[in-house]
Amino acid sequence: RKLGFAIHYEYGEKVRQYEPDFVVRLLNGSLLVLEIKGGGGEVHDPDVVNAKSAAALKWVQAVNNAKQYGNWAYDICRELSGLRAMLA
């Protein structure tokens, strides 16, 4: 938390900031924007989750296209039991 890293997204006619839960440097040197999502967030407001996800994917694509900041990826972990496999 409080990484000082935020991705802007639009929701409800406002520009908001999404701060991912983690930025993980993987063994291959890639950087992963990782969101840990329990069921509560998606049950209460799935549209916000979708808006944040779309913005993060767009951001990752733009950064990777720039080819100056390394290789980035984005993922959501919905089940902690699958986190290890996701990171591998």
PDB file of N, CA and C in Angstrom:
ATOM      1  N   ARG A   1       0.831  -1.194   0.000  1.00  0.00           N
ATOM      2  CA  ARG A   1       0.000   0.000   0.000  1.00  0.00           C
ATOM      3  C   ARG A   1       0.867   1.246   0.000  1.00  0.00           C
ATOM      4  N   LYS A   2       0.265   2.296  -0.472  1.00  0.00           N
ATOM      5  CA  LYS A   2       0.921   3.606  -0.513  1.00  0.00           C
ATOM      6  C   LYS A   2       2.251   3.546  -1.251  1.00  0.00           C
ATOM      7  N   LEU A   3       2.194   2.974  -2.454  1.00  0.00           N
ATOM      8  CA  LEU A   3       3.385   2.857  -3.286  1.00  0.00           C
ATOM      9  C   LEU A   3       3.746   4.174  -3.960  1.00  0.00           C
ATOM     10  N   GLY A   4       2.817   5.097  -3.996  1.00  0.00           N
ATOM     11  CA  GLY A   4       3.027   6.317  -4.752  1.00  0.00           C
ATOM     12  C   GLY A   4       2.851   6.081  -6.244  1.00  0.00           C
ATOM     13  N   PHE A   5       2.170   5.022  -6.571  1.00  0.00           N
ATOM     14  CA  PHE A   5       1.941   4.613  -7.957  1.00  0.00           C
ATOM     15  C   PHE A   5       0.437   4.515  -8.163  1.00  0.00           C
ATOM     16  N   ALA A   6      -0.069   5.247  -9.129  1.00  0.00           N
ATOM     17  CA  ALA A   6      -1.510   5.231  -9.378  1.00  0.00           C
ATOM     18  C   ALA A   6      -1.776   5.248 -10.873  1.00  0.00           C
ATOM     19  N   ILE A   7      -2.847   4.603 -11.257  1.00  0.00           N
ATOM     20  CA  ILE A   7      -3.316   4.573 -12.639  1.00  0.00           C
ATOM     21  C   ILE A   7      -4.645   5.313 -12.665  1.00  0.00           C
ATOM     22  N   HIS A   8      -4.755   6.287 -13.552  1.00  0.00           N
ATOM     23  CA  HIS A   8      -5.995   7.049 -13.667  1.00  0.00           C
ATOM     24  C   HIS A   8      -7.022   6.259 -14.472  1.00  0.00           C
ATOM     25  N   TYR A   9      -8.281   6.362 -14.061  1.00  0.00           N
ATOM     26  CA  TYR A   9      -9.365   5.717 -14.787  1.00  0.00           C
ATOM     27  C   TYR A   9     -10.616   6.572 -14.658  1.00  0.00           C
ATOM     28  N   GLU A  10     -11.535   6.368 -15.563  1.00  0.00           N
ATOM     29  CA  GLU A  10     -12.797   7.105 -15.531  1.00  0.00           C
ATOM     30  C   GLU A  10     -13.907   6.187 -15.037  1.00  0.00           C
ATOM     31  N   TYR A  11     -14.719   6.744 -14.145  1.00  0.00           N
ATOM     32  CA  TYR A  11     -15.880   6.017 -13.656  1.00  0.00           C
ATOM     33  C   TYR A  11     -16.884   7.041 -13.152  1.00  0.00           C
ATOM     34  N   GLY A  12     -18.112   6.912 -13.582  1.00  0.00           N
ATOM     35  CA  GLY A  12     -19.148   7.841 -13.150  1.00  0.00           C
ATOM     36  C   GLY A  12     -18.862   9.274 -13.548  1.00  0.00           C
ATOM     37  N   GLU A  13     -18.345   9.446 -14.744  1.00  0.00           N
ATOM     38  CA  GLU A  13     -18.029  10.766 -15.303  1.00  0.00           C
ATOM     39  C   GLU A  13     -16.954  11.520 -14.517  1.00  0.00           C
ATOM     40  N   LYS A  14     -16.177  10.806 -13.713  1.00  0.00           N
ATOM     41  CA  LYS A  14     -15.073  11.409 -12.970  1.00  0.00           C
ATOM     42  C   LYS A  14     -13.794  10.647 -13.267  1.00  0.00           C
ATOM     43  N   VAL A  15     -12.689  11.356 -13.232  1.00  0.00           N
ATOM     44  CA  VAL A  15     -11.381  10.714 -13.330  1.00  0.00           C
ATOM     45  C   VAL A  15     -10.948  10.395 -11.902  1.00  0.00           C
ATOM     46  N   ARG A  16     -10.614   9.156 -11.693  1.00  0.00           N
ATOM     47  CA  ARG A  16     -10.218   8.681 -10.364  1.00  0.00           C
ATOM     48  C   ARG A  16      -8.833   8.060 -10.447  1.00  0.00           C
ATOM     49  N   GLN A  17      -8.265   7.741  -9.301  1.00  0.00           N
ATOM     50  CA  GLN A  17      -6.965   7.089  -9.253  1.00  0.00           C
ATOM     51  C   GLN A  17      -7.101   5.714  -8.628  1.00  0.00           C
ATOM     52  N   TYR A  18      -6.472   4.763  -9.280  1.00  0.00           N
ATOM     53  CA  TYR A  18      -6.459   3.388  -8.804  1.00  0.00           C
ATOM     54  C   TYR A  18      -5.052   3.074  -8.324  1.00  0.00           C
ATOM     55  N   GLU A  19      -4.912   2.726  -7.062  1.00  0.00           N
ATOM     56  CA  GLU A  19      -3.625   2.311  -6.509  1.00  0.00           C
ATOM     57  C   GLU A  19      -3.651   0.789  -6.363  1.00  0.00           C
ATOM     58  N   PRO A  20      -2.852   0.096  -7.183  1.00  0.00           N
ATOM     59  CA  PRO A  20      -2.856  -1.368  -7.089  1.00  0.00           C
ATOM     60  C   PRO A  20      -2.321  -1.830  -5.738  1.00  0.00           C
ATOM     61  N   ASP A  21      -2.684  -3.047  -5.377  1.00  0.00           N
ATOM     62  CA  ASP A  21      -2.229  -3.590  -4.099  1.00  0.00           C
ATOM     63  C   ASP A  21      -0.720  -3.802  -4.079  1.00  0.00           C
ATOM     64  N   PHE A  22      -0.178  -4.304  -5.194  1.00  0.00           N
ATOM     65  CA  PHE A  22       1.251  -4.619  -5.238  1.00  0.00           C
ATOM     66  C   PHE A  22       1.814  -4.354  -6.631  1.00  0.00           C
ATOM     67  N   VAL A  23       3.084  -4.013  -6.674  1.00  0.00           N
ATOM     68  CA  VAL A  23       3.873  -4.084  -7.896  1.00  0.00           C
ATOM     69  C   VAL A  23       4.975  -5.091  -7.573  1.00  0.00           C
ATOM     70  N   VAL A  24       4.990  -6.186  -8.314  1.00  0.00           N
ATOM     71  CA  VAL A  24       5.878  -7.309  -8.027  1.00  0.00           C
ATOM     72  C   VAL A  24       6.942  -7.403  -9.123  1.00  0.00           C
ATOM     73  N   ARG A  25       8.206  -7.456  -8.706  1.00  0.00           N
ATOM     74  CA  ARG A  25       9.269  -7.723  -9.675  1.00  0.00           C
ATOM     75  C   ARG A  25       9.450  -9.243  -9.726  1.00  0.00           C
ATOM     76  N   LEU A  26       9.174  -9.813 -10.890  1.00  0.00           N
ATOM     77  CA  LEU A  26       9.270 -11.258 -11.065  1.00  0.00           C
ATOM     78  C   LEU A  26      10.712 -11.674 -11.321  1.00  0.00           C
ATOM     79  N   LEU A  27      10.993 -12.950 -11.177  1.00  0.00           N
ATOM     80  CA  LEU A  27      12.357 -13.457 -11.362  1.00  0.00           C
ATOM     81  C   LEU A  27      12.918 -13.168 -12.752  1.00  0.00           C
ATOM     82  N   ASN A  28      12.053 -13.079 -13.748  1.00  0.00           N
ATOM     83  CA  ASN A  28      12.518 -12.799 -15.107  1.00  0.00           C
ATOM     84  C   ASN A  28      12.736 -11.301 -15.356  1.00  0.00           C
ATOM     85  N   GLY A  29      12.530 -10.476 -14.315  1.00  0.00           N
ATOM     86  CA  GLY A  29      12.739  -9.041 -14.427  1.00  0.00           C
ATOM     87  C   GLY A  29      11.498  -8.250 -14.792  1.00  0.00           C
ATOM     88  N   SER A  30      10.445  -8.923 -15.201  1.00  0.00           N
ATOM     89  CA  SER A  30       9.190  -8.240 -15.529  1.00  0.00           C
ATOM     90  C   SER A  30       8.555  -7.677 -14.263  1.00  0.00           C
ATOM     91  N   LEU A  31       7.727  -6.678 -14.436  1.00  0.00           N
ATOM     92  CA  LEU A  31       6.995  -6.078 -13.322  1.00  0.00           C
ATOM     93  C   LEU A  31       5.516  -6.397 -13.478  1.00  0.00           C
ATOM     94  N   LEU A  32       4.898  -6.800 -12.396  1.00  0.00           N
ATOM     95  CA  LEU A  32       3.496  -7.202 -12.396  1.00  0.00           C
ATOM     96  C   LEU A  32       2.699  -6.266 -11.504  1.00  0.00           C
ATOM     97  N   VAL A  33       1.709  -5.605 -12.069  1.00  0.00           N
ATOM     98  CA  VAL A  33       0.743  -4.836 -11.295  1.00  0.00           C
ATOM     99  C   VAL A  33      -0.282  -5.860 -10.820  1.00  0.00           C
ATOM    100  N   LEU A  34      -0.341  -6.064  -9.513  1.00  0.00           N
ATOM    101  CA  LEU A  34      -1.151  -7.149  -8.957  1.00  0.00           C
ATOM    102  C   LEU A  34      -2.233  -6.608  -8.040  1.00  0.00           C
ATOM    103  N   GLU A  35      -3.442  -7.003  -8.319  1.00  0.00           N
ATOM    104  CA  GLU A  35      -4.585  -6.663  -7.487  1.00  0.00           C
ATOM    105  C   GLU A  35      -5.056  -7.936  -6.799  1.00  0.00           C
ATOM    106  N   ILE A  36      -5.210  -7.872  -5.486  1.00  0.00           N
ATOM    107  CA  ILE A  36      -5.773  -8.977  -4.720  1.00  0.00           C
ATOM    108  C   ILE A  36      -7.236  -8.612  -4.476  1.00  0.00           C
ATOM    109  N   LYS A  37      -8.137  -9.424  -4.973  1.00  0.00           N
ATOM    110  CA  LYS A  37      -9.548  -9.064  -4.923  1.00  0.00           C
ATOM    111  C   LYS A  37     -10.342 -10.153  -4.235  1.00  0.00           C
ATOM    112  N   GLY A  38     -10.905  -9.827  -3.089  1.00  0.00           N
ATOM    113  CA  GLY A  38     -11.841 -10.729  -2.435  1.00  0.00           C
ATOM    114  C   GLY A  38     -13.210 -10.567  -3.072  1.00  0.00           C
ATOM    115  N   GLY A  39     -14.103 -11.405  -2.743  1.00  0.00           N
ATOM    116  CA  GLY A  39     -15.434 -11.362  -3.330  1.00  0.00           C
ATOM    117  C   GLY A  39     -16.217 -10.101  -3.017  1.00  0.00           C
ATOM    118  N   GLY A  40     -15.941  -9.485  -1.879  1.00  0.00           N
ATOM    119  CA  GLY A  40     -16.709  -8.314  -1.462  1.00  0.00           C
ATOM    120  C   GLY A  40     -16.658  -7.164  -2.445  1.00  0.00           C
ATOM    121  N   GLY A  41     -15.488  -6.828  -2.940  1.00  0.00           N
ATOM    122  CA  GLY A  41     -15.348  -5.706  -3.867  1.00  0.00           C
ATOM    123  C   GLY A  41     -16.112  -5.921  -5.149  1.00  0.00           C
ATOM    124  N   GLU A  42     -16.110  -7.124  -5.633  1.00  0.00           N
ATOM    125  CA  GLU A  42     -16.799  -7.401  -6.890  1.00  0.00           C
ATOM    126  C   GLU A  42     -18.309  -7.543  -6.696  1.00  0.00           C
ATOM    127  N   VAL A  43     -18.723  -7.950  -5.541  1.00  0.00           N
ATOM    128  CA  VAL A  43     -20.152  -8.082  -5.272  1.00  0.00           C
ATOM    129  C   VAL A  43     -20.778  -6.698  -5.123  1.00  0.00           C
ATOM    130  N   HIS A  44     -20.112  -5.810  -4.399  1.00  0.00           N
ATOM    131  CA  HIS A  44     -20.677  -4.490  -4.116  1.00  0.00           C
ATOM    132  C   HIS A  44     -20.613  -3.542  -5.311  1.00  0.00           C
ATOM    133  N   ASP A  45     -19.556  -3.620  -6.087  1.00  0.00           N
ATOM    134  CA  ASP A  45     -19.444  -2.696  -7.214  1.00  0.00           C
ATOM    135  C   ASP A  45     -18.567  -3.279  -8.323  1.00  0.00           C
ATOM    136  N   PRO A  46     -19.092  -4.274  -9.050  1.00  0.00           N
ATOM    137  CA  PRO A  46     -18.290  -4.918 -10.094  1.00  0.00           C
ATOM    138  C   PRO A  46     -17.901  -3.969 -11.220  1.00  0.00           C
ATOM    139  N   ASP A  47     -18.677  -2.920 -11.449  1.00  0.00           N
ATOM    140  CA  ASP A  47     -18.331  -1.977 -12.514  1.00  0.00           C
ATOM    141  C   ASP A  47     -17.048  -1.214 -12.203  1.00  0.00           C
ATOM    142  N   VAL A  48     -16.818  -0.912 -10.928  1.00  0.00           N
ATOM    143  CA  VAL A  48     -15.571  -0.234 -10.545  1.00  0.00           C
ATOM    144  C   VAL A  48     -14.396  -1.165 -10.786  1.00  0.00           C
ATOM    145  N   VAL A  49     -14.529  -2.415 -10.418  1.00  0.00           N
ATOM    146  CA  VAL A  49     -13.464  -3.397 -10.640  1.00  0.00           C
ATOM    147  C   VAL A  49     -13.156  -3.489 -12.134  1.00  0.00           C
ATOM    148  N   ASN A  50     -14.178  -3.539 -12.953  1.00  0.00           N
ATOM    149  CA  ASN A  50     -13.978  -3.602 -14.408  1.00  0.00           C
ATOM    150  C   ASN A  50     -13.310  -2.346 -14.941  1.00  0.00           C
ATOM    151  N   ALA A  51     -13.701  -1.184 -14.441  1.00  0.00           N
ATOM    152  CA  ALA A  51     -13.100   0.080 -14.893  1.00  0.00           C
ATOM    153  C   ALA A  51     -11.620   0.145 -14.514  1.00  0.00           C
ATOM    154  N   LYS A  52     -11.292  -0.269 -13.301  1.00  0.00           N
ATOM    155  CA  LYS A  52      -9.890  -0.282 -12.858  1.00  0.00           C
ATOM    156  C   LYS A  52      -9.077  -1.268 -13.685  1.00  0.00           C
ATOM    157  N   SER A  53      -9.633  -2.440 -13.909  1.00  0.00           N
ATOM    158  CA  SER A  53      -8.951  -3.473 -14.697  1.00  0.00           C
ATOM    159  C   SER A  53      -8.678  -2.997 -16.112  1.00  0.00           C
ATOM    160  N   ALA A  54      -9.676  -2.406 -16.742  1.00  0.00           N
ATOM    161  CA  ALA A  54      -9.510  -1.916 -18.110  1.00  0.00           C
ATOM    162  C   ALA A  54      -8.437  -0.841 -18.163  1.00  0.00           C
ATOM    163  N   ALA A  55      -8.424   0.050 -17.181  1.00  0.00           N
ATOM    164  CA  ALA A  55      -7.415   1.107 -17.148  1.00  0.00           C
ATOM    165  C   ALA A  55      -6.023   0.530 -16.931  1.00  0.00           C
ATOM    166  N   ALA A  56      -5.908  -0.455 -16.048  1.00  0.00           N
ATOM    167  CA  ALA A  56      -4.601  -1.064 -15.785  1.00  0.00           C
ATOM    168  C   ALA A  56      -4.080  -1.788 -17.027  1.00  0.00           C
ATOM    169  N   LEU A  57      -4.947  -2.505 -17.717  1.00  0.00           N
ATOM    170  CA  LEU A  57      -4.528  -3.205 -18.942  1.00  0.00           C
ATOM    171  C   LEU A  57      -4.093  -2.211 -20.021  1.00  0.00           C
ATOM    172  N   LYS A  58      -4.824  -1.111 -20.142  1.00  0.00           N
ATOM    173  CA  LYS A  58      -4.470  -0.080 -21.110  1.00  0.00           C
ATOM    174  C   LYS A  58      -3.128   0.567 -20.752  1.00  0.00           C
ATOM    175  N   TRP A  59      -2.918   0.829 -19.458  1.00  0.00           N
ATOM    176  CA  TRP A  59      -1.670   1.411 -18.985  1.00  0.00           C
ATOM    177  C   TRP A  59      -0.500   0.476 -19.287  1.00  0.00           C
ATOM    178  N   VAL A  60      -0.658  -0.801 -18.975  1.00  0.00           N
ATOM    179  CA  VAL A  60       0.400  -1.788 -19.228  1.00  0.00           C
ATOM    180  C   VAL A  60       0.744  -1.835 -20.716  1.00  0.00           C
ATOM    181  N   GLN A  61      -0.260  -1.843 -21.562  1.00  0.00           N
ATOM    182  CA  GLN A  61      -0.025  -1.873 -23.003  1.00  0.00           C
ATOM    183  C   GLN A  61       0.748  -0.625 -23.445  1.00  0.00           C
ATOM    184  N   ALA A  62       0.365   0.529 -22.936  1.00  0.00           N
ATOM    185  CA  ALA A  62       1.041   1.773 -23.315  1.00  0.00           C
ATOM    186  C   ALA A  62       2.495   1.785 -22.844  1.00  0.00           C
ATOM    187  N   VAL A  63       2.740   1.354 -21.623  1.00  0.00           N
ATOM    188  CA  VAL A  63       4.102   1.334 -21.090  1.00  0.00           C
ATOM    189  C   VAL A  63       4.959   0.336 -21.864  1.00  0.00           C
ATOM    190  N   ASN A  64       4.413  -0.820 -22.160  1.00  0.00           N
ATOM    191  CA  ASN A  64       5.171  -1.810 -22.928  1.00  0.00           C
ATOM    192  C   ASN A  64       5.451  -1.318 -24.351  1.00  0.00           C
ATOM    193  N   ASN A  65       4.511  -0.594 -24.943  1.00  0.00           N
ATOM    194  CA  ASN A  65       4.730  -0.039 -26.284  1.00  0.00           C
ATOM    195  C   ASN A  65       5.837   1.008 -26.294  1.00  0.00           C
ATOM    196  N   ALA A  66       6.022   1.709 -25.192  1.00  0.00           N
ATOM    197  CA  ALA A  66       7.075   2.726 -25.104  1.00  0.00           C
ATOM    198  C   ALA A  66       8.466   2.084 -25.122  1.00  0.00           C
ATOM    199  N   LYS A  67       8.569   0.847 -24.647  1.00  0.00           N
ATOM    200  CA  LYS A  67       9.823   0.075 -24.664  1.00  0.00           C
ATOM    201  C   LYS A  67      10.966   0.775 -23.939  1.00  0.00           C
ATOM    202  N   GLN A  68      10.636   1.546 -22.909  1.00  0.00           N
ATOM    203  CA  GLN A  68      11.664   2.243 -22.139  1.00  0.00           C
ATOM    204  C   GLN A  68      11.653   1.858 -20.662  1.00  0.00           C
ATOM    205  N   TYR A  69      10.622   1.201 -20.222  1.00  0.00           N
ATOM    206  CA  TYR A  69      10.425   1.002 -18.789  1.00  0.00           C
ATOM    207  C   TYR A  69      10.336  -0.462 -18.391  1.00  0.00           C
ATOM    208  N   GLY A  70      10.877  -1.330 -19.206  1.00  0.00           N
ATOM    209  CA  GLY A  70      10.818  -2.751 -18.915  1.00  0.00           C
ATOM    210  C   GLY A  70       9.524  -3.374 -19.393  1.00  0.00           C
ATOM    211  N   ASN A  71       9.342  -4.624 -19.045  1.00  0.00           N
ATOM    212  CA  ASN A  71       8.149  -5.376 -19.427  1.00  0.00           C
ATOM    213  C   ASN A  71       7.187  -5.429 -18.241  1.00  0.00           C
ATOM    214  N   TRP A  72       5.958  -5.018 -18.479  1.00  0.00           N
ATOM    215  CA  TRP A  72       4.948  -4.961 -17.433  1.00  0.00           C
ATOM    216  C   TRP A  72       3.780  -5.890 -17.771  1.00  0.00           C
ATOM    217  N   ALA A  73       3.090  -6.333 -16.726  1.00  0.00           N
ATOM    218  CA  ALA A  73       1.884  -7.137 -16.878  1.00  0.00           C
ATOM    219  C   ALA A  73       0.903  -6.729 -15.776  1.00  0.00           C
ATOM    220  N   TYR A  74      -0.342  -7.134 -15.931  1.00  0.00           N
ATOM    221  CA  TYR A  74      -1.378  -6.852 -14.939  1.00  0.00           C
ATOM    222  C   TYR A  74      -2.185  -8.119 -14.709  1.00  0.00           C
ATOM    223  N   ASP A  75      -2.532  -8.359 -13.445  1.00  0.00           N
ATOM    224  CA  ASP A  75      -3.398  -9.503 -13.157  1.00  0.00           C
ATOM    225  C   ASP A  75      -4.153  -9.254 -11.858  1.00  0.00           C
ATOM    226  N   ILE A  76      -5.270  -9.952 -11.740  1.00  0.00           N
ATOM    227  CA  ILE A  76      -6.082  -9.940 -10.514  1.00  0.00           C
ATOM    228  C   ILE A  76      -6.036 -11.343  -9.920  1.00  0.00           C
ATOM    229  N   CYS A  77      -5.753 -11.411  -8.643  1.00  0.00           N
ATOM    230  CA  CYS A  77      -5.810 -12.686  -7.926  1.00  0.00           C
ATOM    231  C   CYS A  77      -7.109 -12.704  -7.124  1.00  0.00           C
ATOM    232  N   ARG A  78      -7.998 -13.595  -7.500  1.00  0.00           N
ATOM    233  CA  ARG A  78      -9.283 -13.695  -6.810  1.00  0.00           C
ATOM    234  C   ARG A  78      -9.288 -14.810  -5.764  1.00  0.00           C
ATOM    235  N   GLU A  79      -8.379 -15.742  -5.893  1.00  0.00           N
ATOM    236  CA  GLU A  79      -8.260 -16.853  -4.943  1.00  0.00           C
ATOM    237  C   GLU A  79      -6.800 -16.938  -4.504  1.00  0.00           C
ATOM    238  N   LEU A  80      -6.540 -16.684  -3.232  1.00  0.00           N
ATOM    239  CA  LEU A  80      -5.152 -16.695  -2.758  1.00  0.00           C
ATOM    240  C   LEU A  80      -4.472 -18.043  -2.959  1.00  0.00           C
ATOM    241  N   SER A  81      -5.255 -19.103  -2.992  1.00  0.00           N
ATOM    242  CA  SER A  81      -4.669 -20.428  -3.203  1.00  0.00           C
ATOM    243  C   SER A  81      -4.004 -20.528  -4.581  1.00  0.00           C
ATOM    244  N   GLY A  82      -4.383 -19.679  -5.518  1.00  0.00           N
ATOM    245  CA  GLY A  82      -3.791 -19.702  -6.853  1.00  0.00           C
ATOM    246  C   GLY A  82      -2.698 -18.674  -7.078  1.00  0.00           C
ATOM    247  N   LEU A  83      -2.352 -17.921  -6.032  1.00  0.00           N
ATOM    248  CA  LEU A  83      -1.370 -16.843  -6.194  1.00  0.00           C
ATOM    249  C   LEU A  83       0.008 -17.364  -6.600  1.00  0.00           C
ATOM    250  N   ARG A  84       0.462 -18.411  -5.966  1.00  0.00           N
ATOM    251  CA  ARG A  84       1.793 -18.955  -6.282  1.00  0.00           C
ATOM    252  C   ARG A  84       1.897 -19.352  -7.762  1.00  0.00           C
ATOM    253  N   ALA A  85       0.883 -20.014  -8.265  1.00  0.00           N
ATOM    254  CA  ALA A  85       0.878 -20.426  -9.677  1.00  0.00           C
ATOM    255  C   ALA A  85       0.812 -19.209 -10.581  1.00  0.00           C
ATOM    256  N   MET A  86       0.069 -18.202 -10.195  1.00  0.00           N
ATOM    257  CA  MET A  86      -0.035 -16.990 -10.991  1.00  0.00           C
ATOM    258  C   MET A  86       1.333 -16.303 -11.095  1.00  0.00           C
ATOM    259  N   LEU A  87       2.052 -16.245 -10.017  1.00  0.00           N
ATOM    260  CA  LEU A  87       3.365 -15.595 -10.008  1.00  0.00           C
ATOM    261  C   LEU A  87       4.408 -16.399 -10.758  1.00  0.00           C
ATOM    262  N   ALA A  88       4.218 -17.714 -10.803  1.00  0.00           N
ATOM    263  CA  ALA A  88       5.175 -18.565 -11.534  1.00  0.00           C
ATOM    264  C   ALA A  88       5.010 -18.335 -13.014  1.00  0.00           C
TER     265      ALA A  88
END
